[in-house]
All heavy atoms as atom14 arrays in JSON, in Angstrom:
{
  "sequence": "TGQRGRNVGYAVVTFYEDDNGWEGHGDTMNLGLGKY",
  "atom14_mask": [
    [1, 1, 1, 1, 1, 1, 1, 0, 0, 0, 0, 0, 0, 0],
    [1, 1, 1, 1, 0, 0, 0, 0, 0, 0, 0, 0, 0, 0],
    [1, 1, 1, 1, 1, 1, 1, 1, 1, 0, 0, 0, 0, 0],
    [1, 1, 1, 1, 1, 1, 1, 1, 1, 1, 1, 0, 0, 0],
    [1, 1, 1, 1, 0, 0, 0, 0, 0, 0, 0, 0, 0, 0],
    [1, 1, 1, 1, 1, 1, 1, 1, 1, 1, 1, 0, 0, 0],
    [1, 1, 1, 1, 1, 1, 1, 1, 0, 0, 0, 0, 0, 0],
    [1, 1, 1, 1, 1, 1, 1, 0, 0, 0, 0, 0, 0, 0],
    [1, 1, 1, 1, 0, 0, 0, 0, 0, 0, 0, 0, 0, 0],
    [1, 1, 1, 1, 1, 1, 1, 1, 1, 1, 1, 1, 0, 0],
    [1, 1, 1, 1, 1, 0, 0, 0, 0, 0, 0, 0, 0, 0],
    [1, 1, 1, 1, 1, 1, 1, 0, 0, 0, 0, 0, 0, 0],
    [1, 1, 1, 1, 1, 1, 1, 0, 0, 0, 0, 0, 0, 0],
    [1, 1, 1, 1, 1, 1, 1, 0, 0, 0, 0, 0, 0, 0],
    [1, 1, 1, 1, 1, 1, 1, 1, 1, 1, 1, 0, 0, 0],
    [1, 1, 1, 1, 1, 1, 1, 1, 1, 1, 1, 1, 0, 0],
    [1, 1, 1, 1, 1, 1, 1, 1, 1, 0, 0, 0, 0, 0],
    [1, 1, 1, 1, 1, 1, 1, 1, 0, 0, 0, 0, 0, 0],
    [1, 1, 1, 1, 1, 1, 1, 1, 0, 0, 0, 0, 0, 0],
    [1, 1, 1, 1, 1, 1, 1, 1, 0, 0, 0, 0, 0, 0],
    [1, 1, 1, 1, 0, 0, 0, 0, 0, 0, 0, 0, 0, 0],
    [1, 1, 1, 1, 1, 1, 1, 1, 1, 1, 1, 1, 1, 1],
    [1, 1, 1, 1, 1, 1, 1, 1, 1, 0, 0, 0, 0, 0],
    [1, 1, 1, 1, 0, 0, 0, 0, 0, 0, 0, 0, 0, 0],
    [1, 1, 1, 1, 1, 1, 1, 1, 1, 1, 0, 0, 0, 0],
    [1, 1, 1, 1, 0, 0, 0, 0, 0, 0, 0, 0, 0, 0],
    [1, 1, 1, 1, 1, 1, 1, 1, 0, 0, 0, 0, 0, 0],
    [1, 1, 1, 1, 1, 1, 1, 0, 0, 0, 0, 0, 0, 0],
    [1, 1, 1, 1, 1, 1, 1, 1, 0, 0, 0, 0, 0, 0],
    [1, 1, 1, 1, 1, 1, 1, 1, 0, 0, 0, 0, 0, 0],
    [1, 1, 1, 1, 1, 1, 1, 1, 0, 0, 0, 0, 0, 0],
    [1, 1, 1, 1, 0, 0, 0, 0, 0, 0, 0, 0, 0, 0],
    [1, 1, 1, 1, 1, 1, 1, 1, 0, 0, 0, 0, 0, 0],
    [1, 1, 1, 1, 0, 0, 0, 0, 0, 0, 0, 0, 0, 0],
    [1, 1, 1, 1, 1, 1, 1, 1, 1, 0, 0, 0, 0, 0],
    [1, 1, 1, 1, 1, 1, 1, 1, 1, 1, 1, 1, 0, 0]
  ],
  "atom14_positions": [
    [[-24.32, 176.76, 56.91], [-24.58, 177.98, 57.62], [-23.73, 177.98, 58.83], [-24.05, 178.6, 59.96], [-26.15, 178.08, 58.08], [-26.48, 176.76, 58.69], [-27.03, 178.36, 56.97], [0.0, 0.0, 0.0], [0.0, 0.0, 0.0], [0.0, 0.0, 0.0], [0.0, 0.0, 0.0], [0.0, 0.0, 0.0], [0.0, 0.0, 0.0], [0.0, 0.0, 0.0]],
    [[-22.54, 177.38, 58.74], [-21.63, 177.44, 59.79], [-21.77, 176.42, 60.9], [-22.36, 175.38, 60.77], [0.0, 0.0, 0.0], [0.0, 0.0, 0.0], [0.0, 0.0, 0.0], [0.0, 0.0, 0.0], [0.0, 0.0, 0.0], [0.0, 0.0, 0.0], [0.0, 0.0, 0.0], [0.0, 0.0, 0.0], [0.0, 0.0, 0.0], [0.0, 0.0, 0.0]],
    [[-21.08, 176.53, 62.02], [-21.16, 175.63, 63.03], [-22.22, 176.09, 64.11], [-22.94, 176.93, 63.76], [-19.76, 175.49, 63.65], [-18.71, 174.99, 62.64], [-17.27, 175.02, 63.25], [-17.04, 174.91, 64.45], [-16.33, 175.26, 62.31], [0.0, 0.0, 0.0], [0.0, 0.0, 0.0], [0.0, 0.0, 0.0], [0.0, 0.0, 0.0], [0.0, 0.0, 0.0]],
    [[-22.03, 175.52, 65.32], [-23.09, 175.95, 66.34], [-22.68, 177.21, 66.98], [-21.51, 177.76, 66.89], [-23.2, 174.92, 67.4], [-21.9, 174.56, 67.97], [-22.04, 173.44, 69.1], [-22.94, 173.84, 70.2], [-22.94, 173.42, 71.32], [-22.28, 172.33, 71.66], [-23.65, 173.88, 72.42], [0.0, 0.0, 0.0], [0.0, 0.0, 0.0], [0.0, 0.0, 0.0]],
    [[-23.58, 177.71, 67.68], [-23.28, 178.94, 68.58], [-22.69, 180.06, 67.85], [-23.16, 180.63, 66.84], [0.0, 0.0, 0.0], [0.0, 0.0, 0.0], [0.0, 0.0, 0.0], [0.0, 0.0, 0.0], [0.0, 0.0, 0.0], [0.0, 0.0, 0.0], [0.0, 0.0, 0.0], [0.0, 0.0, 0.0], [0.0, 0.0, 0.0], [0.0, 0.0, 0.0]],
    [[-21.72, 180.54, 68.39], [-21.05, 181.9, 67.94], [-20.43, 181.78, 66.57], [-20.12, 182.79, 65.95], [-20.02, 182.45, 68.82], [-18.81, 181.56, 69.11], [-17.78, 182.25, 70.0], [-17.41, 183.42, 69.44], [-17.12, 184.56, 70.22], [-17.34, 184.64, 71.47], [-16.54, 185.61, 69.66], [0.0, 0.0, 0.0], [0.0, 0.0, 0.0], [0.0, 0.0, 0.0]],
    [[-20.25, 180.59, 66.01], [-19.54, 180.41, 64.64], [-20.56, 180.31, 63.47], [-20.28, 179.9, 62.47], [-18.69, 179.24, 64.68], [-17.48, 179.25, 65.67], [-17.0, 180.39, 65.73], [-17.17, 178.3, 66.36], [0.0, 0.0, 0.0], [0.0, 0.0, 0.0], [0.0, 0.0, 0.0], [0.0, 0.0, 0.0], [0.0, 0.0, 0.0], [0.0, 0.0, 0.0]],
    [[-21.86, 180.61, 63.67], [-22.74, 180.46, 62.61], [-22.54, 181.47, 61.44], [-22.14, 182.58, 61.61], [-24.29, 180.77, 63.12], [-24.36, 182.24, 63.49], [-25.25, 180.42, 62.19], [0.0, 0.0, 0.0], [0.0, 0.0, 0.0], [0.0, 0.0, 0.0], [0.0, 0.0, 0.0], [0.0, 0.0, 0.0], [0.0, 0.0, 0.0], [0.0, 0.0, 0.0]],
    [[-22.64, 180.9, 60.3], [-22.95, 181.75, 59.04], [-21.59, 182.15, 58.37], [-21.33, 181.61, 57.25], [0.0, 0.0, 0.0], [0.0, 0.0, 0.0], [0.0, 0.0, 0.0], [0.0, 0.0, 0.0], [0.0, 0.0, 0.0], [0.0, 0.0, 0.0], [0.0, 0.0, 0.0], [0.0, 0.0, 0.0], [0.0, 0.0, 0.0], [0.0, 0.0, 0.0]],
    [[-20.71, 183.03, 58.94], [-19.58, 183.51, 58.32], [-19.81, 184.48, 57.16], [-19.49, 185.67, 57.2], [-18.57, 182.43, 57.93], [-18.13, 181.63, 59.1], [-17.97, 180.33, 59.07], [-17.79, 182.35, 60.4], [-17.51, 179.57, 60.21], [-17.21, 181.66, 61.47], [-17.09, 180.28, 61.27], [-16.56, 179.53, 62.41], [0.0, 0.0, 0.0], [0.0, 0.0, 0.0]],
    [[-20.16, 183.87, 55.95], [-20.19, 184.7, 54.81], [-21.32, 184.37, 53.94], [-21.81, 183.22, 53.9], [-18.95, 184.43, 53.92], [0.0, 0.0, 0.0], [0.0, 0.0, 0.0], [0.0, 0.0, 0.0], [0.0, 0.0, 0.0], [0.0, 0.0, 0.0], [0.0, 0.0, 0.0], [0.0, 0.0, 0.0], [0.0, 0.0, 0.0], [0.0, 0.0, 0.0]],
    [[-21.89, 185.2, 53.27], [-22.89, 184.97, 52.18], [-22.4, 185.4, 50.79], [-21.98, 186.53, 50.59], [-24.23, 185.78, 52.43], [-25.18, 185.66, 51.17], [-24.81, 185.34, 53.76], [0.0, 0.0, 0.0], [0.0, 0.0, 0.0], [0.0, 0.0, 0.0], [0.0, 0.0, 0.0], [0.0, 0.0, 0.0], [0.0, 0.0, 0.0], [0.0, 0.0, 0.0]],
    [[-22.51, 184.41, 49.98], [-22.12, 184.66, 48.46], [-23.45, 184.6, 47.76], [-24.36, 183.68, 48.01], [-21.26, 183.52, 47.91], [-21.04, 183.73, 46.42], [-19.89, 183.51, 48.63], [0.0, 0.0, 0.0], [0.0, 0.0, 0.0], [0.0, 0.0, 0.0], [0.0, 0.0, 0.0], [0.0, 0.0, 0.0], [0.0, 0.0, 0.0], [0.0, 0.0, 0.0]],
    [[-23.71, 185.57, 46.87], [-25.01, 185.52, 46.05], [-24.77, 185.08, 44.7], [-23.83, 185.52, 44.0], [-25.59, 187.01, 45.99], [-25.66, 187.43, 47.33], [-26.76, 187.12, 45.34], [0.0, 0.0, 0.0], [0.0, 0.0, 0.0], [0.0, 0.0, 0.0], [0.0, 0.0, 0.0], [0.0, 0.0, 0.0], [0.0, 0.0, 0.0], [0.0, 0.0, 0.0]],
    [[-25.67, 184.2, 44.23], [-25.59, 183.67, 42.99], [-26.8, 184.05, 42.27], [-27.87, 184.16, 42.76], [-25.49, 181.98, 42.96], [-24.31, 181.57, 43.62], [-24.31, 181.43, 45.1], [-23.21, 181.21, 42.99], [-23.19, 180.88, 45.7], [-22.1, 180.71, 43.72], [-22.04, 180.54, 45.04], [0.0, 0.0, 0.0], [0.0, 0.0, 0.0], [0.0, 0.0, 0.0]],
    [[-26.61, 184.29, 40.8], [-27.77, 184.77, 40.05], [-28.02, 183.81, 38.93], [-27.15, 183.24, 38.3], [-27.35, 186.1, 39.45], [-26.84, 187.08, 40.41], [-25.56, 187.28, 40.74], [-27.75, 187.89, 41.19], [-25.0, 188.04, 41.64], [-27.37, 188.81, 42.18], [-25.98, 188.98, 42.35], [-25.48, 189.86, 43.23], [0.0, 0.0, 0.0], [0.0, 0.0, 0.0]],
    [[-29.33, 183.72, 38.51], [-29.68, 182.79, 37.38], [-29.57, 183.51, 36.09], [-29.53, 182.85, 35.09], [-31.24, 182.4, 37.57], [-32.27, 183.29, 37.33], [-33.43, 182.89, 37.07], [-33.73, 181.58, 36.86], [-34.59, 183.6, 37.02], [0.0, 0.0, 0.0], [0.0, 0.0, 0.0], [0.0, 0.0, 0.0], [0.0, 0.0, 0.0], [0.0, 0.0, 0.0]],
    [[-29.33, 184.87, 36.1], [-29.26, 185.65, 34.96], [-27.84, 186.25, 34.8], [-27.2, 186.55, 35.85], [-30.29, 186.77, 34.88], [-31.63, 186.33, 34.59], [-31.77, 185.09, 34.32], [-32.5, 187.22, 34.56], [0.0, 0.0, 0.0], [0.0, 0.0, 0.0], [0.0, 0.0, 0.0], [0.0, 0.0, 0.0], [0.0, 0.0, 0.0], [0.0, 0.0, 0.0]],
    [[-27.24, 186.48, 33.54], [-26.09, 187.29, 33.43], [-26.41, 188.69, 33.94], [-27.55, 189.22, 33.85], [-25.71, 187.37, 31.9], [-25.11, 186.08, 31.45], [-24.64, 185.2, 32.24], [-25.37, 185.9, 30.21], [0.0, 0.0, 0.0], [0.0, 0.0, 0.0], [0.0, 0.0, 0.0], [0.0, 0.0, 0.0], [0.0, 0.0, 0.0], [0.0, 0.0, 0.0]],
    [[-25.55, 189.35, 34.53], [-25.72, 190.59, 35.23], [-26.93, 190.69, 36.2], [-27.57, 191.7, 36.39], [-25.96, 191.67, 34.15], [-24.8, 191.83, 33.15], [-23.5, 191.61, 33.54], [-25.08, 191.89, 31.9], [0.0, 0.0, 0.0], [0.0, 0.0, 0.0], [0.0, 0.0, 0.0], [0.0, 0.0, 0.0], [0.0, 0.0, 0.0], [0.0, 0.0, 0.0]],
    [[-27.24, 189.53, 36.8], [-28.34, 189.46, 37.79], [-28.31, 190.49, 38.93], [-29.31, 190.73, 39.51], [0.0, 0.0, 0.0], [0.0, 0.0, 0.0], [0.0, 0.0, 0.0], [0.0, 0.0, 0.0], [0.0, 0.0, 0.0], [0.0, 0.0, 0.0], [0.0, 0.0, 0.0], [0.0, 0.0, 0.0], [0.0, 0.0, 0.0], [0.0, 0.0, 0.0]],
    [[-27.14, 190.95, 39.3], [-26.96, 191.86, 40.22], [-27.77, 193.16, 39.97], [-27.88, 194.09, 40.97], [-25.51, 192.19, 40.57], [-24.65, 192.65, 39.4], [-24.65, 193.82, 38.93], [-23.85, 191.73, 38.57], [-23.91, 193.89, 37.78], [-23.34, 192.67, 37.54], [-23.65, 190.41, 38.54], [-22.52, 192.07, 36.62], [-22.8, 189.92, 37.58], [-22.25, 190.75, 36.51]],
    [[-28.1, 193.4, 38.77], [-28.83, 194.52, 38.42], [-30.31, 194.35, 38.77], [-31.11, 195.39, 38.73], [-28.82, 194.76, 36.92], [-27.42, 195.05, 36.42], [-27.46, 195.2, 34.87], [-28.29, 194.86, 34.21], [-26.28, 195.72, 34.37], [0.0, 0.0, 0.0], [0.0, 0.0, 0.0], [0.0, 0.0, 0.0], [0.0, 0.0, 0.0], [0.0, 0.0, 0.0]],
    [[-30.69, 193.24, 39.31], [-32.1, 193.23, 39.89], [-33.02, 192.33, 39.1], [-34.17, 192.16, 39.69], [0.0, 0.0, 0.0], [0.0, 0.0, 0.0], [0.0, 0.0, 0.0], [0.0, 0.0, 0.0], [0.0, 0.0, 0.0], [0.0, 0.0, 0.0], [0.0, 0.0, 0.0], [0.0, 0.0, 0.0], [0.0, 0.0, 0.0], [0.0, 0.0, 0.0]],
    [[-32.6, 191.6, 38.06], [-33.55, 190.75, 37.33], [-33.12, 189.33, 37.59], [-31.99, 188.96, 37.72], [-33.42, 191.09, 35.97], [-32.15, 191.22, 35.34], [-31.39, 190.08, 34.82], [-31.45, 192.32, 35.06], [-30.28, 190.52, 34.41], [-30.16, 191.99, 34.47], [0.0, 0.0, 0.0], [0.0, 0.0, 0.0], [0.0, 0.0, 0.0], [0.0, 0.0, 0.0]],
    [[-34.1, 188.55, 37.48], [-33.88, 187.12, 37.72], [-33.75, 186.64, 39.22], [-33.72, 187.55, 40.13], [0.0, 0.0, 0.0], [0.0, 0.0, 0.0], [0.0, 0.0, 0.0], [0.0, 0.0, 0.0], [0.0, 0.0, 0.0], [0.0, 0.0, 0.0], [0.0, 0.0, 0.0], [0.0, 0.0, 0.0], [0.0, 0.0, 0.0], [0.0, 0.0, 0.0]],
    [[-33.85, 185.32, 39.47], [-33.77, 184.83, 40.82], [-32.44, 184.87, 41.41], [-31.39, 184.92, 40.68], [-34.33, 183.39, 40.84], [-35.87, 183.36, 40.7], [-36.52, 184.4, 40.96], [-36.29, 182.14, 40.22], [0.0, 0.0, 0.0], [0.0, 0.0, 0.0], [0.0, 0.0, 0.0], [0.0, 0.0, 0.0], [0.0, 0.0, 0.0], [0.0, 0.0, 0.0]],
    [[-32.28, 184.81, 42.64], [-31.01, 184.9, 43.34], [-31.03, 183.83, 44.33], [-31.95, 183.34, 44.86], [-30.73, 186.07, 44.07], [-31.7, 186.36, 45.03], [-30.7, 187.33, 43.07], [0.0, 0.0, 0.0], [0.0, 0.0, 0.0], [0.0, 0.0, 0.0], [0.0, 0.0, 0.0], [0.0, 0.0, 0.0], [0.0, 0.0, 0.0], [0.0, 0.0, 0.0]],
    [[-29.73, 183.32, 44.76], [-29.51, 182.2, 45.69], [-28.48, 182.63, 46.66], [-27.36, 183.19, 46.1], [-29.27, 180.95, 45.1], [-28.75, 179.92, 46.08], [-28.32, 178.26, 45.24], [-26.88, 178.7, 44.26], [0.0, 0.0, 0.0], [0.0, 0.0, 0.0], [0.0, 0.0, 0.0], [0.0, 0.0, 0.0], [0.0, 0.0, 0.0], [0.0, 0.0, 0.0]],
    [[-28.51, 182.58, 47.89], [-27.45, 182.9, 48.89], [-26.93, 181.67, 49.58], [-27.64, 180.96, 50.06], [-27.88, 183.86, 49.83], [-28.28, 185.32, 49.15], [-27.38, 186.08, 48.83], [-29.58, 185.47, 48.94], [0.0, 0.0, 0.0], [0.0, 0.0, 0.0], [0.0, 0.0, 0.0], [0.0, 0.0, 0.0], [0.0, 0.0, 0.0], [0.0, 0.0, 0.0]],
    [[-25.62, 181.45, 49.62], [-25.07, 180.4, 50.22], [-23.91, 180.92, 51.18], [-23.13, 181.77, 50.84], [-24.4, 179.34, 49.25], [-25.34, 178.66, 48.28], [-24.51, 177.76, 47.34], [-26.47, 177.92, 48.99], [0.0, 0.0, 0.0], [0.0, 0.0, 0.0], [0.0, 0.0, 0.0], [0.0, 0.0, 0.0], [0.0, 0.0, 0.0], [0.0, 0.0, 0.0]],
    [[-23.73, 180.21, 52.35], [-22.67, 180.49, 53.23], [-21.48, 179.46, 52.99], [-21.51, 178.62, 51.89], [0.0, 0.0, 0.0], [0.0, 0.0, 0.0], [0.0, 0.0, 0.0], [0.0, 0.0, 0.0], [0.0, 0.0, 0.0], [0.0, 0.0, 0.0], [0.0, 0.0, 0.0], [0.0, 0.0, 0.0], [0.0, 0.0, 0.0], [0.0, 0.0, 0.0]],
    [[-20.48, 179.4, 53.76], [-19.39, 178.47, 53.73], [-19.87, 177.12, 53.68], [-20.76, 176.64, 54.39], [-18.38, 178.77, 54.85], [-17.75, 180.02, 55.0], [-16.85, 179.89, 56.24], [-17.01, 180.49, 53.82], [0.0, 0.0, 0.0], [0.0, 0.0, 0.0], [0.0, 0.0, 0.0], [0.0, 0.0, 0.0], [0.0, 0.0, 0.0], [0.0, 0.0, 0.0]],
    [[-19.32, 176.26, 52.73], [-19.57, 174.87, 52.66], [-19.45, 174.31, 51.27], [-19.06, 175.08, 50.29], [0.0, 0.0, 0.0], [0.0, 0.0, 0.0], [0.0, 0.0, 0.0], [0.0, 0.0, 0.0], [0.0, 0.0, 0.0], [0.0, 0.0, 0.0], [0.0, 0.0, 0.0], [0.0, 0.0, 0.0], [0.0, 0.0, 0.0], [0.0, 0.0, 0.0]],
    [[-19.74, 173.11, 50.99], [-19.79, 172.45, 49.8], [-21.2, 172.05, 49.44], [-21.86, 171.32, 50.26], [-18.7, 171.26, 49.76], [-17.36, 171.71, 49.66], [-16.41, 170.38, 49.53], [-14.95, 170.9, 49.4], [-14.06, 169.66, 49.05], [0.0, 0.0, 0.0], [0.0, 0.0, 0.0], [0.0, 0.0, 0.0], [0.0, 0.0, 0.0], [0.0, 0.0, 0.0]],
    [[-21.61, 172.3, 48.18], [-23.07, 171.98, 47.71], [-23.0, 171.27, 46.4], [-22.25, 171.57, 45.51], [-23.77, 173.22, 47.55], [-23.64, 174.19, 48.72], [-22.54, 175.16, 48.89], [-24.68, 174.24, 49.7], [-22.43, 175.89, 49.93], [-24.52, 175.06, 50.78], [-23.54, 175.97, 50.9], [-23.42, 176.84, 52.0], [0.0, 0.0, 0.0], [0.0, 0.0, 0.0]]
  ]
}
């Protein structure tokens, strides 16, 4: 979720458990910059 203070967050990428999950079905996960 970024560094401290004003550098928090930066970007959100959305991941889906389903193919075409952006259509609204299945669970979603959001991650910011980093390695997981």
